[in-house]
Protein backbone atom coordinates (compact mmCIF):
# COMPACT_ATOMS: atom_id res chain seq x y z
CA UNK A 1 112.67 125.93 111.80
CA UNK A 2 113.97 123.21 114.19
CA UNK A 3 116.72 121.41 112.25
CA UNK A 4 119.12 123.84 110.48
CA UNK A 5 122.04 121.81 109.52
CA UNK A 6 123.17 118.38 108.66
CA UNK A 7 126.93 117.64 108.91
CA UNK A 8 128.65 114.29 107.92
CA UNK A 9 131.26 113.12 110.25
CA UNK A 10 133.84 112.09 107.62
CA UNK A 11 136.66 111.65 110.23
CA UNK A 12 134.79 108.54 111.47
CA UNK A 13 134.33 106.88 108.21
CA UNK A 14 137.24 104.19 107.58
CA UNK A 15 135.85 102.77 104.33
CA UNK A 16 134.39 105.05 101.88
CA UNK A 17 133.75 102.24 99.42
CA UNK A 18 131.22 100.44 101.60
CA UNK A 19 127.62 101.11 101.31
CA UNK A 20 126.13 103.76 101.82
CA UNK A 21 129.34 105.76 101.84
CA UNK A 22 130.07 105.03 98.30
CA UNK A 23 126.95 106.65 96.87
CA UNK A 24 128.21 109.83 94.97
CA UNK A 25 125.74 112.24 96.79
CA UNK A 26 126.51 110.89 100.14
CA UNK A 27 130.41 110.52 99.44
CA UNK A 28 130.49 114.25 98.60
CA UNK A 29 128.22 115.46 101.43
CA UNK A 30 129.86 117.80 103.73
CA UNK A 31 127.20 119.69 105.38
CA UNK A 32 123.55 120.53 104.07
CA UNK A 33 121.73 123.63 105.42
CA UNK A 34 118.00 123.77 105.95
CA UNK A 35 116.56 127.12 105.72
CA UNK A 36 112.77 126.54 105.01
CA UNK A 37 110.18 124.81 106.79
CA UNK A 38 109.47 122.65 103.84
CA UNK A 39 112.61 120.98 102.14
CA UNK A 40 112.23 118.51 99.35
CA UNK A 41 115.02 115.77 98.41
CA UNK A 42 114.90 114.80 94.60
CA UNK A 43 116.75 112.68 92.45
CA UNK A 44 116.90 109.34 90.62
CA UNK A 45 116.39 106.09 92.30
CA UNK A 46 119.43 105.09 94.17
CA UNK A 47 120.66 108.68 94.09
CA UNK A 48 120.68 108.61 98.14
CA UNK A 49 117.93 110.64 98.93
CA UNK A 50 116.07 108.09 101.03
CA UNK A 51 119.38 106.95 102.49
CA UNK A 52 120.02 110.38 103.99
CA UNK A 53 116.17 110.74 105.03
CA UNK A 54 116.35 107.37 107.05
CA UNK A 55 119.88 108.53 108.63
CA UNK A 56 118.08 111.72 109.81
CA UNK A 57 115.24 109.75 111.36
CA UNK A 58 117.76 107.49 113.00
CA UNK A 59 119.49 110.50 114.46
CA UNK A 60 115.92 111.93 115.57
CA UNK A 61 115.33 108.68 117.43
CA UNK A 62 112.38 107.69 115.13
CA UNK A 63 111.97 104.10 114.08
CA UNK A 64 113.65 103.67 110.83
CA UNK A 65 111.04 101.38 109.46
CA UNK A 66 108.61 104.09 110.13
CA UNK A 67 107.02 105.77 113.04
CA UNK A 68 107.84 108.05 116.14
CA UNK A 69 110.07 107.70 118.91
CA UNK A 70 107.33 105.62 120.70
CA UNK A 71 107.16 102.79 118.25
CA UNK A 72 109.12 99.78 118.49
CA UNK A 73 108.76 96.68 116.14
CA UNK A 74 110.92 94.24 114.08
CA UNK A 75 111.64 94.97 110.54
CA UNK A 76 114.38 93.44 108.34
CA UNK A 77 116.73 95.97 106.91
CA UNK A 78 115.43 98.75 108.73
CA UNK A 79 118.94 99.81 110.02
CA UNK A 80 120.40 103.31 108.97
CA UNK A 81 124.12 102.82 108.40
CA UNK A 82 124.55 106.36 107.72
CA UNK A 83 122.98 107.51 111.06
CA UNK A 84 125.99 107.07 113.07
CA UNK A 85 127.86 109.47 110.97
CA UNK A 86 125.73 112.38 111.05
CA UNK A 87 125.68 115.30 113.22
CA UNK A 88 122.12 117.32 113.23
CA UNK A 89 122.21 120.98 114.33
CA UNK A 90 119.07 122.22 116.13
CA UNK A 91 117.66 125.47 116.94
CA UNK A 92 115.75 124.57 119.08
CA UNK A 93 115.94 120.95 119.69
CA UNK A 94 112.61 118.93 119.07
CA UNK A 95 111.70 115.17 119.94
CA UNK A 96 108.16 115.21 118.38
CA UNK A 97 107.37 114.13 114.79
CA UNK A 98 107.29 111.22 112.68
CA UNK A 99 109.13 109.34 110.08
CA UNK A 100 106.98 107.97 106.92
CA UNK A 101 108.74 105.18 105.16
CA UNK A 102 106.36 104.09 102.03
CA UNK A 103 108.07 100.73 101.58
CA UNK A 104 107.37 99.53 105.08
CA UNK A 105 103.99 101.13 105.70
CA UNK A 106 102.46 97.65 105.70
CA UNK A 107 104.53 96.68 108.57
CA UNK A 108 103.86 99.70 110.39
CA UNK A 109 100.14 99.50 110.13
CA UNK A 110 100.44 95.80 111.41
CA UNK A 111 102.33 97.12 114.25
CA UNK A 112 99.44 99.70 115.36
CA UNK A 113 97.08 96.63 115.10
CA UNK A 114 99.00 95.02 117.81
CA UNK A 115 99.00 97.85 119.91
CA UNK A 116 95.35 98.25 119.49
CA UNK A 117 94.79 94.83 121.05
CA UNK A 118 95.77 96.37 124.43
CA UNK A 119 94.75 99.98 123.67
CA UNK A 120 91.97 100.47 120.91
CA UNK A 121 91.87 104.05 121.60
CA UNK A 122 95.13 104.22 119.51
CA UNK A 123 92.91 103.91 116.37
CA UNK A 124 91.82 107.55 117.02
CA UNK A 125 95.08 108.76 115.63
CA UNK A 126 94.66 106.74 112.33
CA UNK A 127 91.15 107.74 111.36
CA UNK A 128 89.26 105.55 113.91
CA UNK A 129 89.93 102.00 112.62
CA UNK A 130 92.80 99.80 111.62
CA UNK A 131 94.85 101.18 108.55
CA UNK A 132 94.55 97.74 106.99
CA UNK A 133 90.81 98.23 106.79
CA UNK A 134 91.24 101.35 104.59
CA UNK A 135 92.54 101.61 101.13
CA UNK A 136 96.27 102.28 100.59
CA UNK A 137 95.58 105.95 99.90
CA UNK A 138 92.95 106.48 102.83
CA UNK A 139 95.39 104.91 105.13
CA UNK A 140 98.20 107.21 104.12
CA UNK A 141 95.87 110.22 104.39
CA UNK A 142 94.41 109.17 107.72
CA UNK A 143 97.76 109.13 109.03
CA UNK A 144 98.53 112.50 107.69
CA UNK A 145 95.39 114.05 108.88
CA UNK A 146 95.17 112.50 112.43
CA UNK A 147 98.71 111.57 113.59
CA UNK A 148 100.47 114.61 112.30
CA UNK A 149 99.91 118.21 113.47
CA UNK A 150 101.73 118.53 116.65
CA UNK A 151 104.97 120.90 116.67
CA UNK A 152 108.01 118.65 115.41
CA UNK A 153 110.01 117.47 112.51
CA UNK A 154 108.10 115.41 109.89
CA UNK A 155 110.28 113.20 107.56
CA UNK A 156 108.30 111.59 104.75
CA UNK A 157 109.96 109.22 102.26
CA UNK A 158 107.91 109.27 99.04
CA UNK A 159 104.41 109.93 100.51
CA UNK A 160 102.86 110.26 97.10
CA UNK A 161 103.24 106.62 96.63
CA UNK A 162 99.44 105.72 97.62
CA UNK A 163 98.12 109.07 96.69
CA UNK A 164 96.05 109.84 93.51
CA UNK A 165 96.74 113.05 91.69
CA UNK A 166 93.63 114.72 93.51
CA UNK A 167 94.79 113.40 96.90
CA UNK A 168 98.39 114.82 96.12
CA UNK A 169 96.68 118.24 95.54
CA UNK A 170 94.82 117.81 99.04
CA UNK A 171 98.24 117.11 100.66
CA UNK A 172 99.61 120.14 99.26
CA UNK A 173 97.14 122.11 101.57
CA UNK A 174 97.80 119.62 104.42
CA UNK A 175 101.52 120.53 104.06
CA UNK A 176 100.56 124.16 103.99
CA UNK A 177 98.82 123.74 107.53
CA UNK A 178 101.55 121.39 109.01
CA UNK A 179 104.50 123.95 108.18
CA UNK A 180 102.92 126.51 110.36
CA UNK A 181 103.98 124.45 113.55
CA UNK A 182 106.42 122.00 112.28
CA UNK A 183 109.23 121.37 109.71
CA UNK A 184 108.81 118.82 106.95
CA UNK A 185 111.73 117.06 104.89
CA UNK A 186 110.06 115.02 101.95
CA UNK A 187 111.95 112.97 99.50
CA UNK A 188 109.62 112.64 96.50
CA UNK A 189 109.36 111.84 92.79
CA UNK A 190 106.07 113.75 92.54
CA UNK A 191 105.99 117.06 90.22
CA UNK A 192 102.69 117.96 92.03
CA UNK A 193 104.20 117.89 95.52
CA UNK A 194 107.55 119.70 94.26
CA UNK A 195 105.08 122.44 93.22
CA UNK A 196 104.80 123.62 96.89
CA UNK A 197 105.69 127.33 96.98
CA UNK A 198 108.38 128.74 98.82
CA UNK A 199 110.27 125.45 99.58
CA UNK A 200 113.79 124.33 99.13
CA UNK A 201 114.23 121.57 96.70
CA UNK A 202 117.85 119.64 96.96
CA UNK A 203 119.14 117.62 93.79
CA UNK A 204 120.60 114.44 94.83
CA UNK A 205 121.61 113.80 91.14
CA UNK A 206 124.32 116.62 91.46
CA UNK A 207 127.43 116.18 93.44
CA UNK A 208 127.68 117.72 96.01
CA UNK A 209 124.09 117.97 96.58
CA UNK A 210 122.78 121.36 95.64
CA UNK A 211 119.64 123.39 95.36
CA UNK A 212 117.61 123.16 92.08
CA UNK A 213 114.56 125.30 91.07
CA UNK A 214 111.33 123.62 90.63
CA UNK A 215 111.20 124.38 87.04
CA UNK A 216 114.58 122.76 86.43
CA UNK A 217 113.94 119.48 88.13
CA UNK A 218 113.73 116.36 85.89
CA UNK A 219 110.36 115.75 87.49
CA UNK A 220 108.83 119.13 86.09
CA UNK A 221 110.70 119.00 82.65
CA UNK A 222 109.79 115.50 81.76
CA UNK A 223 106.11 115.63 82.74
CA UNK A 224 105.69 118.85 81.02
CA UNK A 225 107.45 117.48 77.66
CA UNK A 226 105.33 114.24 77.64
CA UNK A 227 101.96 116.02 78.32
CA UNK A 228 102.82 118.61 75.44
CA UNK A 229 104.26 115.76 72.98
CA UNK A 230 102.45 112.62 74.23
CA UNK A 231 102.48 111.13 70.81
CA UNK A 232 106.06 111.87 69.88
CA UNK A 233 107.43 110.43 73.32
CA UNK A 234 105.23 107.18 72.82
CA UNK A 235 106.52 106.78 69.15
CA UNK A 236 110.19 107.13 70.19
CA UNK A 237 109.71 104.61 73.21
CA UNK A 238 107.81 101.87 71.23
CA UNK A 239 109.77 102.30 68.05
CA UNK A 240 110.80 98.82 66.66
């Protein structure tokens, strides 16, 4: 464990009606304790899980568009407004790690290509070739396999976005190897990834944010019910 507590500095916030402070999960956040090497953030779209993850990345010194402390490139709307209002408590403090932001991964891949013009050896950390020359899923997995692995904290925002179900299963194995020397915080909608054993899952649809069992998440419940009653679900969804 490296990062063990996240505290919102409420006394510094002058207008709680402004974004992102009005998001219910953020508005009611006081402090969040991290007790496991793998922590998942779950919740509906707009629930605040990616907002908090990006703010943590900002406090870690990572590029908020995706990357590590060593990456610097322009990206619109990559600011983390919440970042200045958080305090991270470390034991011990680490500087290594990476922030994966699925929605801006294309820009990150372009940034790596720019670096490679001066230093082609950079590709060794990304599967030996440009991420743009790989499929979306391959490029994600190349990043996971080659760029990750050193001790540090890894913040992943919807890493399943480009992964097939089979790749998600393979990623579970990779998570298990990474957590031996690193800490992972993952915002996800994937019931497959949420099935990783001995992880904490925090539900951003409850205010304040609270732990939830895997079997109690909407991701598990809805997926299970759909698979068991597919025809009934489809009949209700497509009723005239």
